Amino acid sequence: MSPFATVAAYTPSGVGMLAVGIVTEVFAPHGASAPGFELALCTDRPGQVPTDVGVPLTLTHGLDRLAEADLVIALPWAGFRTPPAPAVLDALSAAHERGALVAAHCVGAFALAAAGLLDGRRATTHWRFAGLLAARHPEVSVEADALYVDEGRVVTGAGAAAGFDLCLHLLRREYGAAMANAVARDVVLPSHRDGGQAQYLAAPVPEDCRDERLAEVLAWARENLHEPLPVAELARRAMMSKRSFARRFTAATGTTPHAWLRSLRLSGAEELLETTDLPVEEIARRVGYGSAAVLREQFVRRRGVPPRSYRRSFTATP
């Protein structure tokens, strides 16, 4: 099946405005490398639709758009403890049966579960409601720690801002790293986050890169990805001890320096594999791996395929 071109987001009464913002931002045009998609917000009854922040949306599309879209996304809503109307569940099921890619993040996963689309599959949702989803739908294997779970034609994501992770994953999967990276840069987000929801349970991670020294070091690391970049060197450039740097880095990014660098290197390798004819050995050098063998080992472990297979897949994509 071709990558998706049309997107329909089911937008129920009480929809989360953050979720609306995520899908409208990610699937909007982002320059020549990410020209955007045909996106429709649709609901049970077109007209004024209440949101979780009290500001209504005026929507003109009904459930018929779910029957046409290549990608159908069930957005989270305040009343998720009550299943959607049968017409909605039928529309979601019909979309899946005709071959559409069906996704949801946060408590939008409850709509897919109510439609039976998660039966026998792994899924995730907001960590706060993972136990409720598992209790209500024991036939679903709930992975409470995951940022997203890809089950082929059914994909679920974690809570709140993890909707960005879900949507960027779908772009990366269907269109490749170059487009996902372009969109991520445009919305000022990492194109891929390592780790799961567990890192956010005790306290939310502050989005604190107003720390100028740390921001400068991150920018320098991106420009010098071909270098080894030991944490000691990053800490020295930030004028901090290794321990203080690691602590400040994790507080600002939600991950460790090692995990951040690994994600950056792999993302850079993906883009070079898609957009250049460089040998794998040269790509490994440019993104900071000591050899093609090391790149291959990391690629297989983190992406599931070796670099050459990845390149063949995306070279064949129109």
C-alpha atoms as a PDB file:
ATOM      1  CA  MET A   1       0.000   0.000   0.000  1.00  0.00           C
ATOM      2  CA  SER A   2       1.206   3.531  -0.791  1.00  0.00           C
ATOM      3  CA  PRO A   3       2.064   5.923   2.043  1.00  0.00           C
ATOM      4  CA  PHE A   4      -0.925   7.841   3.357  1.00  0.00           C
ATOM      5  CA  ALA A   5      -1.914  11.126   1.697  1.00  0.00           C
ATOM      6  CA  THR A   6      -5.256  11.910   3.357  1.00  0.00           C
ATOM      7  CA  VAL A   7      -5.788  12.110   7.114  1.00  0.00           C
ATOM      8  CA  ALA A   8      -9.076  12.125   9.037  1.00  0.00           C
ATOM      9  CA  ALA A   9      -8.963  12.864  12.761  1.00  0.00           C
ATOM     10  CA  TYR A  10     -12.052  11.815  14.716  1.00  0.00           C
ATOM     11  CA  THR A  11     -12.764  14.805  16.967  1.00  0.00           C
ATOM     12  CA  PRO A  12     -15.407  13.967  19.603  1.00  0.00           C
ATOM     13  CA  SER A  13     -17.140  16.298  22.004  1.00  0.00           C
ATOM     14  CA  GLY A  14     -14.698  17.207  24.767  1.00  0.00           C
ATOM     15  CA  VAL A  15     -11.688  16.634  22.509  1.00  0.00           C
ATOM     16  CA  GLY A  16      -8.284  17.592  23.855  1.00  0.00           C
ATOM     17  CA  MET A  17      -7.102  20.833  22.268  1.00  0.00           C
ATOM     18  CA  LEU A  18      -3.477  19.735  22.598  1.00  0.00           C
ATOM     19  CA  ALA A  19      -4.256  16.710  20.431  1.00  0.00           C
ATOM     20  CA  VAL A  20      -5.987  18.898  17.845  1.00  0.00           C
ATOM     21  CA  GLY A  21      -2.954  21.155  17.796  1.00  0.00           C
ATOM     22  CA  ILE A  22      -0.593  18.207  17.350  1.00  0.00           C
ATOM     23  CA  VAL A  23      -2.305  16.721  14.297  1.00  0.00           C
ATOM     24  CA  THR A  24      -2.945  20.073  12.633  1.00  0.00           C
ATOM     25  CA  GLU A  25       0.695  21.071  13.167  1.00  0.00           C
ATOM     26  CA  VAL A  26       2.374  17.823  12.129  1.00  0.00           C
ATOM     27  CA  PHE A  27       0.279  17.255   9.009  1.00  0.00           C
ATOM     28  CA  ALA A  28       0.420  20.881   7.828  1.00  0.00           C
ATOM     29  CA  PRO A  29       2.889  21.939   5.093  1.00  0.00           C
ATOM     30  CA  HIS A  30       6.494  22.304   6.312  1.00  0.00           C
ATOM     31  CA  GLY A  31       8.351  23.445   3.225  1.00  0.00           C
ATOM     32  CA  ALA A  32       9.394  21.537   0.139  1.00  0.00           C
ATOM     33  CA  SER A  33      10.590  18.455   2.038  1.00  0.00           C
ATOM     34  CA  ALA A  34       7.244  18.027   3.835  1.00  0.00           C
ATOM     35  CA  PRO A  35       4.464  19.551   1.708  1.00  0.00           C
ATOM     36  CA  GLY A  36       1.631  18.538   4.034  1.00  0.00           C
ATOM     37  CA  PHE A  37      -1.440  16.355   3.795  1.00  0.00           C
ATOM     38  CA  GLU A  38      -5.136  16.659   3.169  1.00  0.00           C
ATOM     39  CA  LEU A  39      -6.351  16.779   6.784  1.00  0.00           C
ATOM     40  CA  ALA A  40      -9.973  16.772   7.962  1.00  0.00           C
ATOM     41  CA  LEU A  41     -11.212  17.071  11.535  1.00  0.00           C
ATOM     42  CA  CYS A  42     -14.470  15.145  11.627  1.00  0.00           C
ATOM     43  CA  THR A  43     -17.090  14.459  14.265  1.00  0.00           C
ATOM     44  CA  ASP A  44     -20.416  12.743  14.935  1.00  0.00           C
ATOM     45  CA  ARG A  45     -22.504  15.849  14.289  1.00  0.00           C
ATOM     46  CA  PRO A  46     -20.836  18.687  12.364  1.00  0.00           C
ATOM     47  CA  GLY A  47     -21.162  22.103  13.987  1.00  0.00           C
ATOM     48  CA  GLN A  48     -19.968  23.413  17.335  1.00  0.00           C
ATOM     49  CA  VAL A  49     -17.851  20.814  19.153  1.00  0.00           C
ATOM     50  CA  PRO A  50     -16.890  21.472  22.813  1.00  0.00           C
ATOM     51  CA  THR A  51     -13.250  20.990  23.798  1.00  0.00           C
ATOM     52  CA  ASP A  52     -11.519  20.212  27.076  1.00  0.00           C
ATOM     53  CA  VAL A  53     -10.486  23.868  27.493  1.00  0.00           C
ATOM     54  CA  GLY A  54     -13.974  25.315  26.990  1.00  0.00           C
ATOM     55  CA  VAL A  55     -13.295  26.854  23.582  1.00  0.00           C
ATOM     56  CA  PRO A  56     -15.539  25.219  20.966  1.00  0.00           C
ATOM     57  CA  LEU A  57     -14.429  24.188  17.500  1.00  0.00           C
ATOM     58  CA  THR A  58     -16.599  24.604  14.427  1.00  0.00           C
ATOM     59  CA  LEU A  59     -16.288  21.431  12.363  1.00  0.00           C
ATOM     60  CA  THR A  60     -17.879  20.845   8.987  1.00  0.00           C
ATOM     61  CA  HIS A  61     -16.968  17.195   8.372  1.00  0.00           C
ATOM     62  CA  GLY A  62     -18.927  14.159   9.535  1.00  0.00           C
ATOM     63  CA  LEU A  63     -18.018  10.503   9.934  1.00  0.00           C
ATOM     64  CA  ASP A  64     -18.103   9.998   6.181  1.00  0.00           C
ATOM     65  CA  ARG A  65     -14.522  11.309   6.048  1.00  0.00           C
ATOM     66  CA  LEU A  66     -13.410   8.251   8.027  1.00  0.00           C
ATOM     67  CA  ALA A  67     -14.539   6.146   5.072  1.00  0.00           C
ATOM     68  CA  GLU A  68     -12.190   7.975   2.670  1.00  0.00           C
ATOM     69  CA  ALA A  69      -8.952   8.714   4.502  1.00  0.00           C
ATOM     70  CA  ASP A  70      -5.715   6.744   4.229  1.00  0.00           C
ATOM     71  CA  LEU A  71      -4.896   7.505   7.877  1.00  0.00           C
ATOM     72  CA  VAL A  72      -7.602   7.665  10.554  1.00  0.00           C
ATOM     73  CA  ILE A  73      -6.672   9.034  13.988  1.00  0.00           C
ATOM     74  CA  ALA A  74      -8.948   8.848  17.045  1.00  0.00           C
ATOM     75  CA  LEU A  75      -8.173  11.904  19.172  1.00  0.00           C
ATOM     76  CA  PRO A  76      -8.417  11.788  23.005  1.00  0.00           C
ATOM     77  CA  TRP A  77     -11.457  13.288  24.682  1.00  0.00           C
ATOM     78  CA  ALA A  78     -12.653  14.108  28.198  1.00  0.00           C
ATOM     79  CA  GLY A  79     -15.498  11.572  28.187  1.00  0.00           C
ATOM     80  CA  PHE A  80     -13.391   8.550  27.204  1.00  0.00           C
ATOM     81  CA  ARG A  81     -14.791   6.435  30.054  1.00  0.00           C
ATOM     82  CA  THR A  82     -18.029   6.200  28.041  1.00  0.00           C
ATOM     83  CA  PRO A  83     -17.546   4.414  24.696  1.00  0.00           C
ATOM     84  CA  PRO A  84     -18.287   6.377  21.515  1.00  0.00           C
ATOM     85  CA  ALA A  85     -21.610   5.886  19.746  1.00  0.00           C
ATOM     86  CA  PRO A  86     -22.040   2.673  17.713  1.00  0.00           C
ATOM     87  CA  ALA A  87     -21.840   4.688  14.477  1.00  0.00           C
ATOM     88  CA  VAL A  88     -18.362   5.870  15.438  1.00  0.00           C
ATOM     89  CA  LEU A  89     -17.180   2.371  16.351  1.00  0.00           C
ATOM     90  CA  ASP A  90     -18.577   1.026  13.083  1.00  0.00           C
ATOM     91  CA  ALA A  91     -16.792   3.780  11.132  1.00  0.00           C
ATOM     92  CA  LEU A  92     -13.455   3.015  12.827  1.00  0.00           C
ATOM     93  CA  SER A  93     -13.862  -0.702  12.183  1.00  0.00           C
ATOM     94  CA  ALA A  94     -14.827  -0.115   8.571  1.00  0.00           C
ATOM     95  CA  ALA A  95     -11.782   2.093   8.024  1.00  0.00           C
ATOM     96  CA  HIS A  96      -9.526  -0.658   9.327  1.00  0.00           C
ATOM     97  CA  GLU A  97     -11.261  -3.340   7.283  1.00  0.00           C
ATOM     98  CA  ARG A  98     -10.787  -1.434   4.029  1.00  0.00           C
ATOM     99  CA  GLY A  99      -7.046  -1.143   4.743  1.00  0.00           C
ATOM    100  CA  ALA A 100      -6.675   2.318   6.241  1.00  0.00           C
ATOM    101  CA  LEU A 101      -3.962   2.936   8.810  1.00  0.00           C
ATOM    102  CA  VAL A 102      -5.765   3.522  12.135  1.00  0.00           C
ATOM    103  CA  ALA A 103      -4.089   5.273  15.052  1.00  0.00           C
ATOM    104  CA  ALA A 104      -4.815   6.891  18.403  1.00  0.00           C
ATOM    105  CA  HIS A 105      -2.844   8.398  21.222  1.00  0.00           C
ATOM    106  CA  CYS A 106      -3.540   9.079  24.878  1.00  0.00           C
ATOM    107  CA  VAL A 107      -7.091   8.052  25.820  1.00  0.00           C
ATOM    108  CA  GLY A 108      -8.072   7.977  22.154  1.00  0.00           C
ATOM    109  CA  ALA A 109      -6.905   4.352  22.435  1.00  0.00           C
ATOM    110  CA  PHE A 110     -10.114   3.636  24.373  1.00  0.00           C
ATOM    111  CA  ALA A 111     -12.105   4.295  21.179  1.00  0.00           C
ATOM    112  CA  LEU A 112     -10.021   1.779  19.215  1.00  0.00           C
ATOM    113  CA  ALA A 113     -10.373  -0.744  22.045  1.00  0.00           C
ATOM    114  CA  ALA A 114     -14.161  -0.269  22.137  1.00  0.00           C
ATOM    115  CA  ALA A 115     -14.237  -0.891  18.377  1.00  0.00           C
ATOM    116  CA  GLY A 116     -12.361  -4.177  18.889  1.00  0.00           C
ATOM    117  CA  LEU A 117      -9.346  -3.002  16.894  1.00  0.00           C
ATOM    118  CA  LEU A 118      -6.905  -3.660  19.743  1.00  0.00           C
ATOM    119  CA  ASP A 119      -8.067  -7.218  20.461  1.00  0.00           C
ATOM    120  CA  GLY A 120      -5.079  -9.550  20.476  1.00  0.00           C
ATOM    121  CA  ARG A 121      -2.709  -6.641  19.920  1.00  0.00           C
ATOM    122  CA  ARG A 122      -0.247  -4.660  21.982  1.00  0.00           C
ATOM    123  CA  ALA A 123      -1.234  -1.072  22.714  1.00  0.00           C
ATOM    124  CA  THR A 124      -0.417   1.892  24.903  1.00  0.00           C
ATOM    125  CA  THR A 125      -2.196   4.934  26.311  1.00  0.00           C
ATOM    126  CA  HIS A 126      -1.517   7.598  28.907  1.00  0.00           C
ATOM    127  CA  TRP A 127       0.291   5.917  31.812  1.00  0.00           C
ATOM    128  CA  ARG A 128      -2.358   7.191  34.244  1.00  0.00           C
ATOM    129  CA  PHE A 129      -5.091   5.198  32.474  1.00  0.00           C
ATOM    130  CA  ALA A 130      -3.138   2.130  31.353  1.00  0.00           C
ATOM    131  CA  GLY A 131      -4.546   0.064  34.220  1.00  0.00           C
ATOM    132  CA  LEU A 132      -8.100   1.077  33.338  1.00  0.00           C
ATOM    133  CA  LEU A 133      -7.600   0.132  29.683  1.00  0.00           C
ATOM    134  CA  ALA A 134      -6.176  -3.264  30.693  1.00  0.00           C
ATOM    135  CA  ALA A 135      -9.031  -3.901  33.152  1.00  0.00           C
ATOM    136  CA  ARG A 136     -11.766  -2.994  30.674  1.00  0.00           C
ATOM    137  CA  HIS A 137     -10.180  -4.796  27.745  1.00  0.00           C
ATOM    138  CA  PRO A 138      -8.255  -7.834  29.006  1.00  0.00           C
ATOM    139  CA  GLU A 139      -7.845  -9.036  25.438  1.00  0.00           C
ATOM    140  CA  VAL A 140      -5.495  -6.082  24.840  1.00  0.00           C
ATOM    141  CA  SER A 141      -1.827  -6.351  25.850  1.00  0.00           C
ATOM    142  CA  VAL A 142      -1.271  -2.910  27.374  1.00  0.00           C
ATOM    143  CA  GLU A 143       2.323  -1.652  27.418  1.00  0.00           C
ATOM    144  CA  ALA A 144       2.115   1.142  29.962  1.00  0.00           C
ATOM    145  CA  ASP A 145       5.703   2.362  29.506  1.00  0.00           C
ATOM    146  CA  ALA A 146       5.768   2.710  25.717  1.00  0.00           C
ATOM    147  CA  LEU A 147       5.707   6.066  23.943  1.00  0.00           C
ATOM    148  CA  TYR A 148       4.031   4.347  20.997  1.00  0.00           C
ATOM    149  CA  VAL A 149       3.261   0.804  19.882  1.00  0.00           C
ATOM    150  CA  ASP A 150       3.278  -0.093  16.201  1.00  0.00           C
ATOM    151  CA  GLU A 151       1.149  -3.097  15.284  1.00  0.00           C
ATOM    152  CA  GLY A 152       1.205  -2.548  11.545  1.00  0.00           C
ATOM    153  CA  ARG A 153      -2.145  -1.114  10.491  1.00  0.00           C
ATOM    154  CA  VAL A 154      -3.026  -0.176  14.099  1.00  0.00           C
ATOM    155  CA  VAL A 155      -0.728   2.189  15.996  1.00  0.00           C
ATOM    156  CA  THR A 156      -1.242   3.669  19.471  1.00  0.00           C
ATOM    157  CA  GLY A 157       0.627   6.364  21.354  1.00  0.00           C
ATOM    158  CA  ALA A 158       1.088   7.481  24.930  1.00  0.00           C
ATOM    159  CA  GLY A 159      -0.422  10.484  26.634  1.00  0.00           C
ATOM    160  CA  ALA A 160      -0.459  14.207  25.942  1.00  0.00           C
ATOM    161  CA  ALA A 161       2.593  15.436  23.979  1.00  0.00           C
ATOM    162  CA  ALA A 162       3.504  11.852  23.035  1.00  0.00           C
ATOM    163  CA  GLY A 163       1.046  12.443  20.204  1.00  0.00           C
ATOM    164  CA  PHE A 164       3.988  14.139  18.499  1.00  0.00           C
ATOM    165  CA  ASP A 165       6.040  10.945  18.916  1.00  0.00           C
ATOM    166  CA  LEU A 166       3.235   8.920  17.354  1.00  0.00           C
ATOM    167  CA  CYS A 167       2.760  11.237  14.374  1.00  0.00           C
ATOM    168  CA  LEU A 168       6.492  11.605  13.716  1.00  0.00           C
ATOM    169  CA  HIS A 169       6.845   7.819  13.888  1.00  0.00           C
ATOM    170  CA  LEU A 170       4.115   7.444  11.261  1.00  0.00           C
ATOM    171  CA  LEU A 171       5.883   9.958   9.012  1.00  0.00           C
ATOM    172  CA  ARG A 172       9.203   8.197   9.513  1.00  0.00           C
ATOM    173  CA  ARG A 173       7.696   4.781   8.853  1.00  0.00           C
ATOM    174  CA  GLU A 174       5.778   5.739   5.726  1.00  0.00           C
ATOM    175  CA  TYR A 175       7.917   8.518   4.239  1.00  0.00           C
ATOM    176  CA  GLY A 176      11.341   8.082   5.819  1.00  0.00           C
ATOM    177  CA  ALA A 177      13.560   9.967   8.215  1.00  0.00           C
ATOM    178  CA  ALA A 178      14.133  12.976   5.939  1.00  0.00           C
ATOM    179  CA  MET A 179      10.486  14.060   6.097  1.00  0.00           C
ATOM    180  CA  ALA A 180      10.113  13.232   9.799  1.00  0.00           C
ATOM    181  CA  ASN A 181      13.269  15.182  10.567  1.00  0.00           C
ATOM    182  CA  ALA A 182      12.101  18.169   8.510  1.00  0.00           C
ATOM    183  CA  VAL A 183       8.792  18.327  10.374  1.00  0.00           C
ATOM    184  CA  ALA A 184      10.502  17.819  13.741  1.00  0.00           C
ATOM    185  CA  ARG A 185      12.922  20.676  13.025  1.00  0.00           C
ATOM    186  CA  ASP A 186      10.045  22.924  11.992  1.00  0.00           C
ATOM    187  CA  VAL A 187       8.134  22.334  15.228  1.00  0.00           C
ATOM    188  CA  VAL A 188      11.366  22.380  17.294  1.00  0.00           C
ATOM    189  CA  LEU A 189      11.145  18.818  18.577  1.00  0.00           C
ATOM    190  CA  PRO A 190      13.451  15.798  18.588  1.00  0.00           C
ATOM    191  CA  SER A 191      12.550  13.553  15.662  1.00  0.00           C
ATOM    192  CA  HIS A 192      12.787  10.497  17.893  1.00  0.00           C
ATOM    193  CA  ARG A 193      12.811  10.123  21.673  1.00  0.00           C
ATOM    194  CA  ASP A 194      14.370   7.135  23.362  1.00  0.00           C
ATOM    195  CA  GLY A 195      12.816   5.713  26.495  1.00  0.00           C
ATOM    196  CA  GLY A 196       9.211   5.321  27.521  1.00  0.00           C
ATOM    197  CA  GLN A 197       6.651   6.912  29.772  1.00  0.00           C
ATOM    198  CA  ALA A 198       8.318   5.612  32.926  1.00  0.00           C
ATOM    199  CA  GLN A 199      10.712   8.574  32.921  1.00  0.00           C
ATOM    200  CA  TYR A 200       7.738  10.915  33.355  1.00  0.00           C
ATOM    201  CA  LEU A 201       5.903   9.197  36.204  1.00  0.00           C
ATOM    202  CA  ALA A 202       7.564  10.826  39.205  1.00  0.00           C
ATOM    203  CA  ALA A 203       7.550  14.360  37.805  1.00  0.00           C
ATOM    204  CA  PRO A 204       7.091  15.938  34.396  1.00  0.00           C
ATOM    205  CA  VAL A 205      10.325  16.679  32.558  1.00  0.00           C
ATOM    206  CA  PRO A 206      10.830  20.433  32.276  1.00  0.00           C
ATOM    207  CA  GLU A 207      11.250  21.609  28.694  1.00  0.00           C
ATOM    208  CA  ASP A 208      14.153  23.703  29.822  1.00  0.00           C
ATOM    209  CA  CYS A 209      16.566  24.500  27.071  1.00  0.00           C
ATOM    210  CA  ARG A 210      16.486  28.150  27.974  1.00  0.00           C
ATOM    211  CA  ASP A 211      19.812  27.207  29.594  1.00  0.00           C
ATOM    212  CA  GLU A 212      22.063  28.998  27.099  1.00  0.00           C
ATOM    213  CA  ARG A 213      25.215  27.035  27.884  1.00  0.00           C
ATOM    214  CA  LEU A 214      23.444  23.719  27.443  1.00  0.00           C
ATOM    215  CA  ALA A 215      21.715  24.868  24.255  1.00  0.00           C
ATOM    216  CA  GLU A 216      25.059  25.941  22.795  1.00  0.00           C
ATOM    217  CA  VAL A 217      26.598  22.562  23.595  1.00  0.00           C
ATOM    218  CA  LEU A 218      23.700  20.705  21.957  1.00  0.00           C
ATOM    219  CA  ALA A 219      24.042  22.836  18.833  1.00  0.00           C
ATOM    220  CA  TRP A 220      27.807  22.217  18.765  1.00  0.00           C
ATOM    221  CA  ALA A 221      27.261  18.453  19.118  1.00  0.00           C
ATOM    222  CA  ARG A 222      24.854  18.448  16.161  1.00  0.00           C
ATOM    223  CA  GLU A 223      27.460  20.230  14.034  1.00  0.00           C
ATOM    224  CA  ASN A 224      30.227  17.826  15.092  1.00  0.00           C
ATOM    225  CA  LEU A 225      28.413  14.512  14.975  1.00  0.00           C
ATOM    226  CA  HIS A 226      31.382  12.888  13.228  1.00  0.00           C
ATOM    227  CA  GLU A 227      33.439  13.335  16.405  1.00  0.00           C
ATOM    228  CA  PRO A 228      33.425  10.836  19.326  1.00  0.00           C
ATOM    229  CA  LEU A 229      31.673  13.409  21.603  1.00  0.00           C
ATOM    230  CA  PRO A 230      32.378  11.877  25.018  1.00  0.00           C
ATOM    231  CA  VAL A 231      30.240  13.239  27.833  1.00  0.00           C
ATOM    232  CA  ALA A 232      33.371  14.636  29.479  1.00  0.00           C
ATOM    233  CA  GLU A 233      33.940  16.872  26.437  1.00  0.00           C
ATOM    234  CA  LEU A 234      30.321  18.050  26.377  1.00  0.00           C
ATOM    235  CA  ALA A 235      30.492  18.803  30.093  1.00  0.00           C
ATOM    236  CA  ARG A 236      33.742  20.722  29.618  1.00  0.00           C
ATOM    237  CA  ARG A 237      32.176  22.878  26.919  1.00  0.00           C
ATOM    238  CA  ALA A 238      29.220  23.546  29.212  1.00  0.00           C
ATOM    239  CA  MET A 239      31.678  24.437  31.993  1.00  0.00           C
ATOM    240  CA  MET A 240      30.171  21.820  34.304  1.00  0.00           C
ATOM    241  CA  SER A 241      31.284  18.651  36.010  1.00  0.00           C
ATOM    242  CA  LYS A 242      30.233  15.425  34.299  1.00  0.00           C
ATOM    243  CA  ARG A 243      27.737  14.719  37.078  1.00  0.00           C
ATOM    244  CA  SER A 244      26.183  18.205  36.965  1.00  0.00           C
ATOM    245  CA  PHE A 245      26.049  18.124  33.173  1.00  0.00           C
ATOM    246  CA  ALA A 246      24.321  14.723  33.108  1.00  0.00           C
ATOM    247  CA  ARG A 247      21.778  15.897  35.667  1.00  0.00           C
ATOM    248  CA  ARG A 248      21.059  19.186  33.856  1.00  0.00           C
ATOM    249  CA  PHE A 249      20.942  17.414  30.492  1.00  0.00           C
ATOM    250  CA  THR A 250      18.381  14.853  31.677  1.00  0.00           C
ATOM    251  CA  ALA A 251      16.242  17.545  33.305  1.00  0.00           C
ATOM    252  CA  ALA A 252      16.223  19.581  30.082  1.00  0.00           C
ATOM    253  CA  THR A 253      15.753  16.800  27.505  1.00  0.00           C
ATOM    254  CA  GLY A 254      14.145  13.892  29.355  1.00  0.00           C
ATOM    255  CA  THR A 255      16.910  11.525  28.341  1.00  0.00           C
ATOM    256  CA  THR A 256      20.607  10.872  28.963  1.00  0.00           C
ATOM    257  CA  PRO A 257      23.450  12.356  26.902  1.00  0.00           C
ATOM    258  CA  HIS A 258      24.332   8.874  25.573  1.00  0.00           C
ATOM    259  CA  ALA A 259      20.731   8.155  24.495  1.00  0.00           C
ATOM    260  CA  TRP A 260      20.384  11.610  22.910  1.00  0.00           C
ATOM    261  CA  LEU A 261      23.572  11.195  20.907  1.00  0.00           C
ATOM    262  CA  ARG A 262      22.601   7.689  19.801  1.00  0.00           C
ATOM    263  CA  SER A 263      19.232   8.946  18.591  1.00  0.00           C
ATOM    264  CA  LEU A 264      20.896  11.859  16.773  1.00  0.00           C
ATOM    265  CA  ARG A 265      23.430   9.574  15.092  1.00  0.00           C
ATOM    266  CA  LEU A 266      20.807   7.078  13.957  1.00  0.00           C
ATOM    267  CA  SER A 267      18.521   9.821  12.679  1.00  0.00           C
ATOM    268  CA  GLY A 268      21.416  11.319  10.738  1.00  0.00           C
ATOM    269  CA  ALA A 269      22.285   7.916   9.311  1.00  0.00           C
ATOM    270  CA  GLU A 270      18.690   7.367   8.194  1.00  0.00           C
ATOM    271  CA  GLU A 271      18.626  10.668   6.354  1.00  0.00           C
ATOM    272  CA  LEU A 272      21.935  10.010   4.601  1.00  0.00           C
ATOM    273  CA  LEU A 273      20.814   6.505   3.601  1.00  0.00           C
ATOM    274  CA  GLU A 274      17.658   7.953   2.052  1.00  0.00           C
ATOM    275  CA  THR A 275      19.045  11.036   0.374  1.00  0.00           C
ATOM    276  CA  THR A 276      22.597  10.108  -0.737  1.00  0.00           C
ATOM    277  CA  ASP A 277      24.497   7.308  -2.476  1.00  0.00           C
ATOM    278  CA  LEU A 278      27.299   7.424   0.078  1.00  0.00           C
ATOM    279  CA  PRO A 279      28.732   4.035   1.082  1.00  0.00           C
ATOM    280  CA  VAL A 280      27.597   2.777   4.462  1.00  0.00           C
ATOM    281  CA  GLU A 281      31.192   3.052   5.685  1.00  0.00           C
ATOM    282  CA  GLU A 282      31.239   6.791   4.902  1.00  0.00           C
ATOM    283  CA  ILE A 283      27.830   7.321   6.490  1.00  0.00           C
ATOM    284  CA  ALA A 284      29.065   5.591   9.623  1.00  0.00           C
ATOM    285  CA  ARG A 285      32.041   7.959   9.733  1.00  0.00           C
ATOM    286  CA  ARG A 286      29.909  11.068   9.193  1.00  0.00           C
ATOM    287  CA  VAL A 287      27.532  10.257  12.050  1.00  0.00           C
ATOM    288  CA  GLY A 288      30.249   9.299  14.484  1.00  0.00           C
ATOM    289  CA  TYR A 289      30.353   5.516  14.446  1.00  0.00           C
ATOM    290  CA  GLY A 290      33.773   3.922  14.306  1.00  0.00           C
ATOM    291  CA  SER A 291      32.896   1.494  11.527  1.00  0.00           C
ATOM    292  CA  ALA A 292      30.077   0.247   9.319  1.00  0.00           C
ATOM    293  CA  ALA A 293      29.832  -2.799  11.583  1.00  0.00           C
ATOM    294  CA  VAL A 294      29.058  -0.645  14.622  1.00  0.00           C
ATOM    295  CA  LEU A 295      26.446   1.325  12.668  1.00  0.00           C
ATOM    296  CA  ARG A 296      24.885  -1.910  11.448  1.00  0.00           C
ATOM    297  CA  GLU A 297      24.699  -3.336  14.972  1.00  0.00           C
ATOM    298  CA  GLN A 298      23.017  -0.199  16.323  1.00  0.00           C
ATOM    299  CA  PHE A 299      20.700   0.066  13.312  1.00  0.00           C
ATOM    300  CA  VAL A 300      19.495  -3.527  13.601  1.00  0.00           C
ATOM    301  CA  ARG A 301      19.004  -3.181  17.358  1.00  0.00           C
ATOM    302  CA  ARG A 302      17.134   0.134  17.233  1.00  0.00           C
ATOM    303  CA  ARG A 303      15.433   0.082  13.815  1.00  0.00           C
ATOM    304  CA  GLY A 304      15.016  -3.657  13.222  1.00  0.00           C
ATOM    305  CA  VAL A 305      16.760  -3.816   9.836  1.00  0.00           C
ATOM    306  CA  PRO A 306      20.360  -3.383   8.600  1.00  0.00           C
ATOM    307  CA  PRO A 307      21.279  -0.071   6.901  1.00  0.00           C
ATOM    308  CA  ARG A 308      21.358  -1.488   3.371  1.00  0.00           C
ATOM    309  CA  SER A 309      17.861  -2.977   3.727  1.00  0.00           C
ATOM    310  CA  TYR A 310      16.613   0.358   5.071  1.00  0.00           C
ATOM    311  CA  ARG A 311      18.120   2.158   2.077  1.00  0.00           C
ATOM    312  CA  ARG A 312      16.498  -0.263  -0.385  1.00  0.00           C
ATOM    313  CA  SER A 313      13.088   0.202   1.252  1.00  0.00           C
ATOM    314  CA  PHE A 314      13.090   3.978   1.017  1.00  0.00           C
ATOM    315  CA  THR A 315      14.808   4.171  -2.345  1.00  0.00           C
ATOM    316  CA  ALA A 316      11.867   2.145  -3.680  1.00  0.00           C
ATOM    317  CA  THR A 317       9.333   4.527  -2.121  1.00  0.00           C
ATOM    318  CA  PRO A 318       7.943   7.001  -4.655  1.00  0.00           C
END
